[in-house]
Amino acid sequence: MDPSEREHRLLKEIEQNLRRQDRAFAWRMDALNTASARQGPQRFACHTTRQELVCVLLIVVILTALSMLLILTVGRTRIPPATPGDTPASENSAFTLAPTV
C-alpha cells in the first residue's frame, strides 16, 4: 500500500529536520544509502563462505553420530535370558480375569 500525499509530506519534513539537527547522522545515512545502491537489493543477505558451510555440515554429522551412539548404548537394557520353566508374566499376575459365559 502506497503512502498518501500527507504521509509523504510528513516524512519529508521529518527528514529535513533530522538533517538540520544532526549533520553527522545525515552523512552516515547518505553513505549507507549510496553503498547499498551500489551493492544491490541484497545488502542484508547473509554471506557465508564455503569453509563455514563445510564446518557447519561437519558439526551436524558429528553431533548426529554422537547422539545415535548414545541412543544405541543407553537404549540397550539387560534382560535376563528366559529359562524353559518360566511362565509368562500374565499367568503369575495376582489379578486374573474369570472367563465370561
PDB file of N, CA and C in Angstrom:
ATOM      1  N   MET A   1       0.841  -1.164   0.000  1.00  0.00           N
ATOM      2  CA  MET A   1       0.000   0.000   0.000  1.00  0.00           C
ATOM      3  C   MET A   1       0.897   1.241   0.000  1.00  0.00           C
ATOM      4  N   ASP A   2       0.662   2.141  -0.918  1.00  0.00           N
ATOM      5  CA  ASP A   2       1.470   3.348  -1.026  1.00  0.00           C
ATOM      6  C   ASP A   2       1.036   4.381   0.011  1.00  0.00           C
ATOM      7  N   PRO A   3       2.022   5.127   0.541  1.00  0.00           N
ATOM      8  CA  PRO A   3       1.664   6.192   1.482  1.00  0.00           C
ATOM      9  C   PRO A   3       0.937   7.333   0.767  1.00  0.00           C
ATOM     10  N   SER A   4       0.112   8.040   1.519  1.00  0.00           N
ATOM     11  CA  SER A   4      -0.647   9.140   0.935  1.00  0.00           C
ATOM     12  C   SER A   4       0.256  10.364   0.768  1.00  0.00           C
ATOM     13  N   GLU A   5      -0.290  11.392   0.124  1.00  0.00           N
ATOM     14  CA  GLU A   5       0.463  12.642  -0.070  1.00  0.00           C
ATOM     15  C   GLU A   5       0.828  13.260   1.275  1.00  0.00           C
ATOM     16  N   ARG A   6      -0.109  13.221   2.204  1.00  0.00           N
ATOM     17  CA  ARG A   6       0.136  13.799   3.531  1.00  0.00           C
ATOM     18  C   ARG A   6       1.287  13.061   4.229  1.00  0.00           C
ATOM     19  N   GLU A   7       1.303  11.733   4.123  1.00  0.00           N
ATOM     20  CA  GLU A   7       2.377  10.959   4.729  1.00  0.00           C
ATOM     21  C   GLU A   7       3.717  11.262   4.074  1.00  0.00           C
ATOM     22  N   HIS A   8       3.727  11.416   2.746  1.00  0.00           N
ATOM     23  CA  HIS A   8       4.958  11.796   2.039  1.00  0.00           C
ATOM     24  C   HIS A   8       5.477  13.138   2.542  1.00  0.00           C
ATOM     25  N   ARG A   9       4.569  14.080   2.701  1.00  0.00           N
ATOM     26  CA  ARG A   9       4.963  15.412   3.160  1.00  0.00           C
ATOM     27  C   ARG A   9       5.517  15.359   4.585  1.00  0.00           C
ATOM     28  N   LEU A  10       4.860  14.602   5.458  1.00  0.00           N
ATOM     29  CA  LEU A  10       5.336  14.485   6.841  1.00  0.00           C
ATOM     30  C   LEU A  10       6.706  13.808   6.909  1.00  0.00           C
ATOM     31  N   LEU A  11       6.889  12.765   6.125  1.00  0.00           N
ATOM     32  CA  LEU A  11       8.192  12.097   6.105  1.00  0.00           C
ATOM     33  C   LEU A  11       9.294  13.014   5.584  1.00  0.00           C
ATOM     34  N   LYS A  12       8.970  13.796   4.582  1.00  0.00           N
ATOM     35  CA  LYS A  12       9.954  14.752   4.039  1.00  0.00           C
ATOM     36  C   LYS A  12      10.332  15.795   5.084  1.00  0.00           C
ATOM     37  N   GLU A  13       9.336  16.281   5.852  1.00  0.00           N
ATOM     38  CA  GLU A  13       9.612  17.255   6.912  1.00  0.00           C
ATOM     39  C   GLU A  13      10.484  16.649   8.004  1.00  0.00           C
ATOM     40  N   ILE A  14      10.184  15.417   8.383  1.00  0.00           N
ATOM     41  CA  ILE A  14      10.987  14.746   9.411  1.00  0.00           C
ATOM     42  C   ILE A  14      12.427  14.587   8.934  1.00  0.00           C
ATOM     43  N   GLU A  15      12.593  14.179   7.678  1.00  0.00           N
ATOM     44  CA  GLU A  15      13.943  14.019   7.136  1.00  0.00           C
ATOM     45  C   GLU A  15      14.702  15.333   7.127  1.00  0.00           C
ATOM     46  N   GLN A  16      14.047  16.405   6.725  1.00  0.00           N
ATOM     47  CA  GLN A  16      14.706  17.708   6.694  1.00  0.00           C
ATOM     48  C   GLN A  16      15.102  18.160   8.096  1.00  0.00           C
ATOM     49  N   ASN A  17      14.226  17.951   9.080  1.00  0.00           N
ATOM     50  CA  ASN A  17      14.555  18.320  10.458  1.00  0.00           C
ATOM     51  C   ASN A  17      15.746  17.519  10.982  1.00  0.00           C
ATOM     52  N   LEU A  18      15.767  16.224  10.691  1.00  0.00           N
ATOM     53  CA  LEU A  18      16.896  15.402  11.127  1.00  0.00           C
ATOM     54  C   LEU A  18      18.200  15.861  10.473  1.00  0.00           C
ATOM     55  N   ARG A  19      18.144  16.216   9.205  1.00  0.00           N
ATOM     56  CA  ARG A  19      19.355  16.663   8.509  1.00  0.00           C
ATOM     57  C   ARG A  19      19.879  17.981   9.079  1.00  0.00           C
ATOM     58  N   ARG A  20      18.971  18.857   9.488  1.00  0.00           N
ATOM     59  CA  ARG A  20      19.408  20.126  10.086  1.00  0.00           C
ATOM     60  C   ARG A  20      19.962  19.924  11.488  1.00  0.00           C
ATOM     61  N   GLN A  21      19.344  19.045  12.284  1.00  0.00           N
ATOM     62  CA  GLN A  21      19.732  18.885  13.687  1.00  0.00           C
ATOM     63  C   GLN A  21      20.978  18.027  13.865  1.00  0.00           C
ATOM     64  N   ASP A  22      21.130  17.010  13.061  1.00  0.00           N
ATOM     65  CA  ASP A  22      22.255  16.085  13.246  1.00  0.00           C
ATOM     66  C   ASP A  22      22.905  15.815  11.897  1.00  0.00           C
ATOM     67  N   ARG A  23      23.882  16.626  11.574  1.00  0.00           N
ATOM     68  CA  ARG A  23      24.547  16.506  10.275  1.00  0.00           C
ATOM     69  C   ARG A  23      25.358  15.219  10.164  1.00  0.00           C
ATOM     70  N   ALA A  24      25.948  14.763  11.280  1.00  0.00           N
ATOM     71  CA  ALA A  24      26.740  13.528  11.243  1.00  0.00           C
ATOM     72  C   ALA A  24      25.843  12.328  10.933  1.00  0.00           C
ATOM     73  N   PHE A  25      24.656  12.297  11.540  1.00  0.00           N
ATOM     74  CA  PHE A  25      23.713  11.221  11.266  1.00  0.00           C
ATOM     75  C   PHE A  25      23.280  11.248   9.797  1.00  0.00           C
ATOM     76  N   ALA A  26      22.997  12.439   9.296  1.00  0.00           N
ATOM     77  CA  ALA A  26      22.586  12.570   7.892  1.00  0.00           C
ATOM     78  C   ALA A  26      23.699  12.089   6.962  1.00  0.00           C
ATOM     79  N   TRP A  27      24.940  12.418   7.302  1.00  0.00           N
ATOM     80  CA  TRP A  27      26.067  11.987   6.477  1.00  0.00           C
ATOM     81  C   TRP A  27      26.175  10.460   6.485  1.00  0.00           C
ATOM     82  N   ARG A  28      26.010   9.837   7.672  1.00  0.00           N
ATOM     83  CA  ARG A  28      26.088   8.368   7.752  1.00  0.00           C
ATOM     84  C   ARG A  28      24.959   7.707   6.969  1.00  0.00           C
ATOM     85  N   MET A  29      23.776   8.281   7.047  1.00  0.00           N
ATOM     86  CA  MET A  29      22.652   7.715   6.304  1.00  0.00           C
ATOM     87  C   MET A  29      22.869   7.837   4.795  1.00  0.00           C
ATOM     88  N   ASP A  30      23.393   8.978   4.365  1.00  0.00           N
ATOM     89  CA  ASP A  30      23.698   9.142   2.932  1.00  0.00           C
ATOM     90  C   ASP A  30      24.747   8.139   2.482  1.00  0.00           C
ATOM     91  N   ALA A  31      25.770   7.925   3.316  1.00  0.00           N
ATOM     92  CA  ALA A  31      26.819   6.959   2.970  1.00  0.00           C
ATOM     93  C   ALA A  31      26.244   5.553   2.900  1.00  0.00           C
ATOM     94  N   LEU A  32      25.360   5.216   3.826  1.00  0.00           N
ATOM     95  CA  LEU A  32      24.739   3.895   3.815  1.00  0.00           C
ATOM     96  C   LEU A  32      23.861   3.713   2.579  1.00  0.00           C
ATOM     97  N   ASN A  33      23.111   4.729   2.233  1.00  0.00           N
ATOM     98  CA  ASN A  33      22.236   4.638   1.060  1.00  0.00           C
ATOM     99  C   ASN A  33      23.028   4.513  -0.232  1.00  0.00           C
ATOM    100  N   THR A  34      24.129   5.234  -0.360  1.00  0.00           N
ATOM    101  CA  THR A  34      24.921   5.115  -1.588  1.00  0.00           C
ATOM    102  C   THR A  34      25.625   3.771  -1.659  1.00  0.00           C
ATOM    103  N   ALA A  35      26.074   3.268  -0.507  1.00  0.00           N
ATOM    104  CA  ALA A  35      26.730   1.953  -0.501  1.00  0.00           C
ATOM    105  C   ALA A  35      25.734   0.859  -0.841  1.00  0.00           C
ATOM    106  N   SER A  36      24.525   0.956  -0.310  1.00  0.00           N
ATOM    107  CA  SER A  36      23.533  -0.075  -0.594  1.00  0.00           C
ATOM    108  C   SER A  36      23.055  -0.008  -2.044  1.00  0.00           C
ATOM    109  N   ALA A  37      23.060   1.181  -2.628  1.00  0.00           N
ATOM    110  CA  ALA A  37      22.652   1.300  -4.026  1.00  0.00           C
ATOM    111  C   ALA A  37      23.672   0.616  -4.937  1.00  0.00           C
ATOM    112  N   ARG A  38      24.942   0.660  -4.555  1.00  0.00           N
ATOM    113  CA  ARG A  38      25.975   0.009  -5.349  1.00  0.00           C
ATOM    114  C   ARG A  38      25.925  -1.509  -5.191  1.00  0.00           C
ATOM    115  N   GLN A  39      25.587  -1.983  -3.994  1.00  0.00           N
ATOM    116  CA  GLN A  39      25.601  -3.416  -3.739  1.00  0.00           C
ATOM    117  C   GLN A  39      24.367  -4.118  -4.290  1.00  0.00           C
ATOM    118  N   GLY A  40      23.300  -3.440  -4.453  1.00  0.00           N
ATOM    119  CA  GLY A  40      22.086  -4.065  -4.948  1.00  0.00           C
ATOM    120  C   GLY A  40      21.109  -4.342  -3.820  1.00  0.00           C
ATOM    121  N   PRO A  41      20.048  -5.025  -4.123  1.00  0.00           N
ATOM    122  CA  PRO A  41      18.981  -5.216  -3.146  1.00  0.00           C
ATOM    123  C   PRO A  41      19.307  -6.207  -2.032  1.00  0.00           C
ATOM    124  N   GLN A  42      20.411  -6.922  -2.099  1.00  0.00           N
ATOM    125  CA  GLN A  42      20.723  -7.933  -1.100  1.00  0.00           C
ATOM    126  C   GLN A  42      21.693  -7.430  -0.049  1.00  0.00           C
ATOM    127  N   ARG A  43      21.582  -6.209   0.377  1.00  0.00           N
ATOM    128  CA  ARG A  43      22.557  -5.670   1.319  1.00  0.00           C
ATOM    129  C   ARG A  43      22.452  -6.307   2.697  1.00  0.00           C
ATOM    130  N   PHE A  44      21.301  -6.888   3.053  1.00  0.00           N
ATOM    131  CA  PHE A  44      21.157  -7.530   4.352  1.00  0.00           C
ATOM    132  C   PHE A  44      21.208  -9.052   4.245  1.00  0.00           C
ATOM    133  N   ALA A  45      21.564  -9.563   3.095  1.00  0.00           N
ATOM    134  CA  ALA A  45      21.627 -11.011   2.909  1.00  0.00           C
ATOM    135  C   ALA A  45      22.815 -11.576   3.686  1.00  0.00           C
ATOM    136  N   CYS A  46      22.665 -12.803   4.111  1.00  0.00           N
ATOM    137  CA  CYS A  46      23.720 -13.479   4.860  1.00  0.00           C
ATOM    138  C   CYS A  46      24.766 -13.999   3.870  1.00  0.00           C
ATOM    139  N   HIS A  47      25.988 -13.618   4.086  1.00  0.00           N
ATOM    140  CA  HIS A  47      27.065 -14.061   3.214  1.00  0.00           C
ATOM    141  C   HIS A  47      27.916 -15.072   3.978  1.00  0.00           C
ATOM    142  N   THR A  48      27.938 -16.300   3.516  1.00  0.00           N
ATOM    143  CA  THR A  48      28.732 -17.338   4.161  1.00  0.00           C
ATOM    144  C   THR A  48      29.743 -17.878   3.162  1.00  0.00           C
ATOM    145  N   THR A  49      30.853 -18.286   3.700  1.00  0.00           N
ATOM    146  CA  THR A  49      31.891 -18.848   2.845  1.00  0.00           C
ATOM    147  C   THR A  49      31.700 -20.353   2.746  1.00  0.00           C
ATOM    148  N   ARG A  50      32.382 -20.944   1.816  1.00  0.00           N
ATOM    149  CA  ARG A  50      32.313 -22.393   1.649  1.00  0.00           C
ATOM    150  C   ARG A  50      32.890 -23.098   2.868  1.00  0.00           C
ATOM    151  N   GLN A  51      33.932 -22.522   3.458  1.00  0.00           N
ATOM    152  CA  GLN A  51      34.551 -23.113   4.642  1.00  0.00           C
ATOM    153  C   GLN A  51      33.563 -23.126   5.818  1.00  0.00           C
ATOM    154  N   GLU A  52      32.787 -22.075   5.986  1.00  0.00           N
ATOM    155  CA  GLU A  52      31.784 -22.032   7.055  1.00  0.00           C
ATOM    156  C   GLU A  52      30.710 -23.095   6.835  1.00  0.00           C
ATOM    157  N   LEU A  53      30.275 -23.263   5.610  1.00  0.00           N
ATOM    158  CA  LEU A  53      29.270 -24.282   5.311  1.00  0.00           C
ATOM    159  C   LEU A  53      29.789 -25.694   5.592  1.00  0.00           C
ATOM    160  N   VAL A  54      31.046 -25.950   5.238  1.00  0.00           N
ATOM    161  CA  VAL A  54      31.641 -27.262   5.484  1.00  0.00           C
ATOM    162  C   VAL A  54      31.759 -27.512   6.977  1.00  0.00           C
ATOM    163  N   CYS A  55      32.152 -26.495   7.746  1.00  0.00           N
ATOM    164  CA  CYS A  55      32.263 -26.648   9.205  1.00  0.00           C
ATOM    165  C   CYS A  55      30.906 -26.947   9.827  1.00  0.00           C
ATOM    166  N   VAL A  56      29.882 -26.243   9.408  1.00  0.00           N
ATOM    167  CA  VAL A  56      28.547 -26.489   9.947  1.00  0.00           C
ATOM    168  C   VAL A  56      28.087 -27.899   9.588  1.00  0.00           C
ATOM    169  N   LEU A  57      28.337 -28.321   8.377  1.00  0.00           N
ATOM    170  CA  LEU A  57      27.959 -29.671   7.957  1.00  0.00           C
ATOM    171  C   LEU A  57      28.693 -30.732   8.777  1.00  0.00           C
ATOM    172  N   LEU A  58      29.981 -30.531   9.007  1.00  0.00           N
ATOM    173  CA  LEU A  58      30.746 -31.481   9.821  1.00  0.00           C
ATOM    174  C   LEU A  58      30.218 -31.540  11.249  1.00  0.00           C
ATOM    175  N   ILE A  59      29.890 -30.409  11.814  1.00  0.00           N
ATOM    176  CA  ILE A  59      29.355 -30.377  13.178  1.00  0.00           C
ATOM    177  C   ILE A  59      28.031 -31.127  13.239  1.00  0.00           C
ATOM    178  N   VAL A  60      27.178 -30.934  12.256  1.00  0.00           N
ATOM    179  CA  VAL A  60      25.890 -31.640  12.231  1.00  0.00           C
ATOM    180  C   VAL A  60      26.105 -33.143  12.126  1.00  0.00           C
ATOM    181  N   VAL A  61      27.009 -33.578  11.275  1.00  0.00           N
ATOM    182  CA  VAL A  61      27.270 -35.012  11.119  1.00  0.00           C
ATOM    183  C   VAL A  61      27.845 -35.602  12.398  1.00  0.00           C
ATOM    184  N   ILE A  62      28.778 -34.904  13.026  1.00  0.00           N
ATOM    185  CA  ILE A  62      29.391 -35.404  14.265  1.00  0.00           C
ATOM    186  C   ILE A  62      28.361 -35.483  15.384  1.00  0.00           C
ATOM    187  N   LEU A  63      27.538 -34.444  15.542  1.00  0.00           N
ATOM    188  CA  LEU A  63      26.527 -34.461  16.593  1.00  0.00           C
ATOM    189  C   LEU A  63      25.474 -35.545  16.347  1.00  0.00           C
ATOM    190  N   THR A  64      25.128 -35.765  15.101  1.00  0.00           N
ATOM    191  CA  THR A  64      24.179 -36.831  14.775  1.00  0.00           C
ATOM    192  C   THR A  64      24.769 -38.193  15.112  1.00  0.00           C
ATOM    193  N   ALA A  65      26.028 -38.412  14.758  1.00  0.00           N
ATOM    194  CA  ALA A  65      26.675 -39.689  15.053  1.00  0.00           C
ATOM    195  C   ALA A  65      26.788 -39.903  16.564  1.00  0.00           C
ATOM    196  N   LEU A  66      27.144 -38.861  17.302  1.00  0.00           N
ATOM    197  CA  LEU A  66      27.243 -38.996  18.758  1.00  0.00           C
ATOM    198  C   LEU A  66      25.894 -39.277  19.400  1.00  0.00           C
ATOM    199  N   SER A  67      24.862 -38.609  18.930  1.00  0.00           N
ATOM    200  CA  SER A  67      23.540 -38.847  19.511  1.00  0.00           C
ATOM    201  C   SER A  67      23.052 -40.260  19.184  1.00  0.00           C
ATOM    202  N   MET A  68      23.312 -40.753  17.989  1.00  0.00           N
ATOM    203  CA  MET A  68      22.920 -42.116  17.637  1.00  0.00           C
ATOM    204  C   MET A  68      23.694 -43.129  18.480  1.00  0.00           C
ATOM    205  N   LEU A  69      24.976 -42.887  18.692  1.00  0.00           N
ATOM    206  CA  LEU A  69      25.781 -43.773  19.523  1.00  0.00           C
ATOM    207  C   LEU A  69      25.259 -43.783  20.952  1.00  0.00           C
ATOM    208  N   LEU A  70      24.904 -42.637  21.467  1.00  0.00           N
ATOM    209  CA  LEU A  70      24.345 -42.542  22.817  1.00  0.00           C
ATOM    210  C   LEU A  70      23.017 -43.270  22.920  1.00  0.00           C
ATOM    211  N   ILE A  71      22.170 -43.091  21.940  1.00  0.00           N
ATOM    212  CA  ILE A  71      20.872 -43.772  21.943  1.00  0.00           C
ATOM    213  C   ILE A  71      21.056 -45.282  21.883  1.00  0.00           C
ATOM    214  N   LEU A  72      21.968 -45.755  21.059  1.00  0.00           N
ATOM    215  CA  LEU A  72      22.171 -47.193  20.928  1.00  0.00           C
ATOM    216  C   LEU A  72      22.789 -47.808  22.178  1.00  0.00           C
ATOM    217  N   THR A  73      23.697 -47.108  22.853  1.00  0.00           N
ATOM    218  CA  THR A  73      24.327 -47.676  24.045  1.00  0.00           C
ATOM    219  C   THR A  73      23.425 -47.586  25.263  1.00  0.00           C
ATOM    220  N   VAL A  74      22.703 -46.511  25.430  1.00  0.00           N
ATOM    221  CA  VAL A  74      21.821 -46.366  26.588  1.00  0.00           C
ATOM    222  C   VAL A  74      20.544 -47.160  26.377  1.00  0.00           C
ATOM    223  N   GLY A  75      20.121 -47.304  25.154  1.00  0.00           N
ATOM    224  CA  GLY A  75      18.882 -47.999  24.852  1.00  0.00           C
ATOM    225  C   GLY A  75      18.934 -49.499  25.092  1.00  0.00           C
ATOM    226  N   ARG A  76      20.105 -50.044  25.190  1.00  0.00           N
ATOM    227  CA  ARG A  76      20.220 -51.489  25.425  1.00  0.00           C
ATOM    228  C   ARG A  76      19.941 -51.773  26.899  1.00  0.00           C
ATOM    229  N   THR A  77      18.927 -52.569  27.153  1.00  0.00           N
ATOM    230  CA  THR A  77      18.646 -52.977  28.519  1.00  0.00           C
ATOM    231  C   THR A  77      19.020 -54.429  28.666  1.00  0.00           C
ATOM    232  N   ARG A  78      19.478 -54.772  29.827  1.00  0.00           N
ATOM    233  CA  ARG A  78      19.897 -56.152  30.077  1.00  0.00           C
ATOM    234  C   ARG A  78      18.688 -56.956  30.547  1.00  0.00           C
ATOM    235  N   ILE A  79      18.189 -57.826  29.693  1.00  0.00           N
ATOM    236  CA  ILE A  79      17.074 -58.701  30.023  1.00  0.00           C
ATOM    237  C   ILE A  79      17.653 -60.090  30.257  1.00  0.00           C
ATOM    238  N   PRO A  80      17.407 -60.648  31.445  1.00  0.00           N
ATOM    239  CA  PRO A  80      17.971 -61.987  31.687  1.00  0.00           C
ATOM    240  C   PRO A  80      17.338 -63.002  30.748  1.00  0.00           C
ATOM    241  N   PRO A  81      18.098 -63.970  30.327  1.00  0.00           N
ATOM    242  CA  PRO A  81      17.549 -64.968  29.403  1.00  0.00           C
ATOM    243  C   PRO A  81      16.467 -65.791  30.101  1.00  0.00           C
ATOM    244  N   ALA A  82      15.471 -66.163  29.371  1.00  0.00           N
ATOM    245  CA  ALA A  82      14.360 -66.944  29.916  1.00  0.00           C
ATOM    246  C   ALA A  82      14.773 -68.404  30.054  1.00  0.00           C
ATOM    247  N   THR A  83      14.369 -69.001  31.151  1.00  0.00           N
ATOM    248  CA  THR A  83      14.627 -70.434  31.339  1.00  0.00           C
ATOM    249  C   THR A  83      13.422 -71.206  30.849  1.00  0.00           C
ATOM    250  N   PRO A  84      13.578 -72.455  30.501  1.00  0.00           N
ATOM    251  CA  PRO A  84      12.461 -73.217  29.932  1.00  0.00           C
ATOM    252  C   PRO A  84      11.266 -73.340  30.873  1.00  0.00           C
ATOM    253  N   GLY A  85      11.438 -73.301  32.192  1.00  0.00           N
ATOM    254  CA  GLY A  85      10.323 -73.485  33.102  1.00  0.00           C
ATOM    255  C   GLY A  85       9.586 -72.200  33.445  1.00  0.00           C
ATOM    256  N   ASP A  86      10.035 -71.068  32.925  1.00  0.00           N
ATOM    257  CA  ASP A  86       9.380 -69.794  33.240  1.00  0.00           C
ATOM    258  C   ASP A  86       8.008 -69.724  32.599  1.00  0.00           C
ATOM    259  N   THR A  87       7.098 -69.037  33.293  1.00  0.00           N
ATOM    260  CA  THR A  87       5.771 -68.806  32.740  1.00  0.00           C
ATOM    261  C   THR A  87       5.647 -67.337  32.390  1.00  0.00           C
ATOM    262  N   PRO A  88       4.788 -67.001  31.474  1.00  0.00           N
ATOM    263  CA  PRO A  88       4.623 -65.591  31.128  1.00  0.00           C
ATOM    264  C   PRO A  88       4.145 -64.785  32.327  1.00  0.00           C
ATOM    265  N   ALA A  89       4.408 -63.508  32.330  1.00  0.00           N
ATOM    266  CA  ALA A  89       4.071 -62.638  33.448  1.00  0.00           C
ATOM    267  C   ALA A  89       2.572 -62.549  33.661  1.00  0.00           C
ATOM    268  N   SER A  90       1.766 -62.710  32.635  1.00  0.00           N
ATOM    269  CA  SER A  90       0.321 -62.603  32.789  1.00  0.00           C
ATOM    270  C   SER A  90      -0.241 -63.760  33.604  1.00  0.00           C
ATOM    271  N   GLU A  91       0.402 -64.913  33.581  1.00  0.00           N
ATOM    272  CA  GLU A  91      -0.078 -66.050  34.359  1.00  0.00           C
ATOM    273  C   GLU A  91       0.289 -65.917  35.829  1.00  0.00           C
ATOM    274  N   ASN A  92       1.357 -65.213  36.158  1.00  0.00           N
ATOM    275  CA  ASN A  92       1.772 -65.024  37.539  1.00  0.00           C
ATOM    276  C   ASN A  92       1.068 -63.847  38.183  1.00  0.00           C
ATOM    277  N   SER A  93       0.256 -63.172  37.470  1.00  0.00           N
ATOM    278  CA  SER A  93      -0.392 -61.982  37.968  1.00  0.00           C
ATOM    279  C   SER A  93      -1.374 -62.322  39.079  1.00  0.00           C
ATOM    280  N   ALA A  94      -1.521 -61.406  40.049  1.00  0.00           N
ATOM    281  CA  ALA A  94      -2.460 -61.614  41.147  1.00  0.00           C
ATOM    282  C   ALA A  94      -3.878 -61.396  40.677  1.00  0.00           C
ATOM    283  N   PHE A  95      -4.051 -60.640  39.648  1.00  0.00           N
ATOM    284  CA  PHE A  95      -5.377 -60.342  39.124  1.00  0.00           C
ATOM    285  C   PHE A  95      -5.566 -61.105  37.832  1.00  0.00           C
ATOM    286  N   THR A  96      -6.438 -62.054  37.853  1.00  0.00           N
ATOM    287  CA  THR A  96      -6.748 -62.784  36.630  1.00  0.00           C
ATOM    288  C   THR A  96      -8.232 -62.611  36.340  1.00  0.00           C
ATOM    289  N   LEU A  97      -8.540 -62.593  35.126  1.00  0.00           N
ATOM    290  CA  LEU A  97      -9.933 -62.430  34.719  1.00  0.00           C
ATOM    291  C   LEU A  97     -10.603 -63.789  34.626  1.00  0.00           C
ATOM    292  N   ALA A  98     -11.785 -63.843  35.167  1.00  0.00           N
ATOM    293  CA  ALA A  98     -12.549 -65.081  35.064  1.00  0.00           C
ATOM    294  C   ALA A  98     -13.175 -65.135  33.685  1.00  0.00           C
ATOM    295  N   PRO A  99     -13.283 -66.319  33.120  1.00  0.00           N
ATOM    296  CA  PRO A  99     -13.885 -66.418  31.801  1.00  0.00           C
ATOM    297  C   PRO A  99     -15.349 -65.993  31.850  1.00  0.00           C
ATOM    298  N   THR A 100     -15.773 -65.277  30.848  1.00  0.00           N
ATOM    299  CA  THR A 100     -17.166 -64.848  30.772  1.00  0.00           C
ATOM    300  C   THR A 100     -17.987 -65.909  30.092  1.00  0.00           C
ATOM    301  N   VAL A 101     -19.222 -66.035  30.536  1.00  0.00           N
ATOM    302  CA  VAL A 101     -20.079 -67.063  29.978  1.00  0.00           C
ATOM    303  C   VAL A 101     -21.028 -66.474  28.978  1.00  0.00           C
TER     304      VAL A 101
END
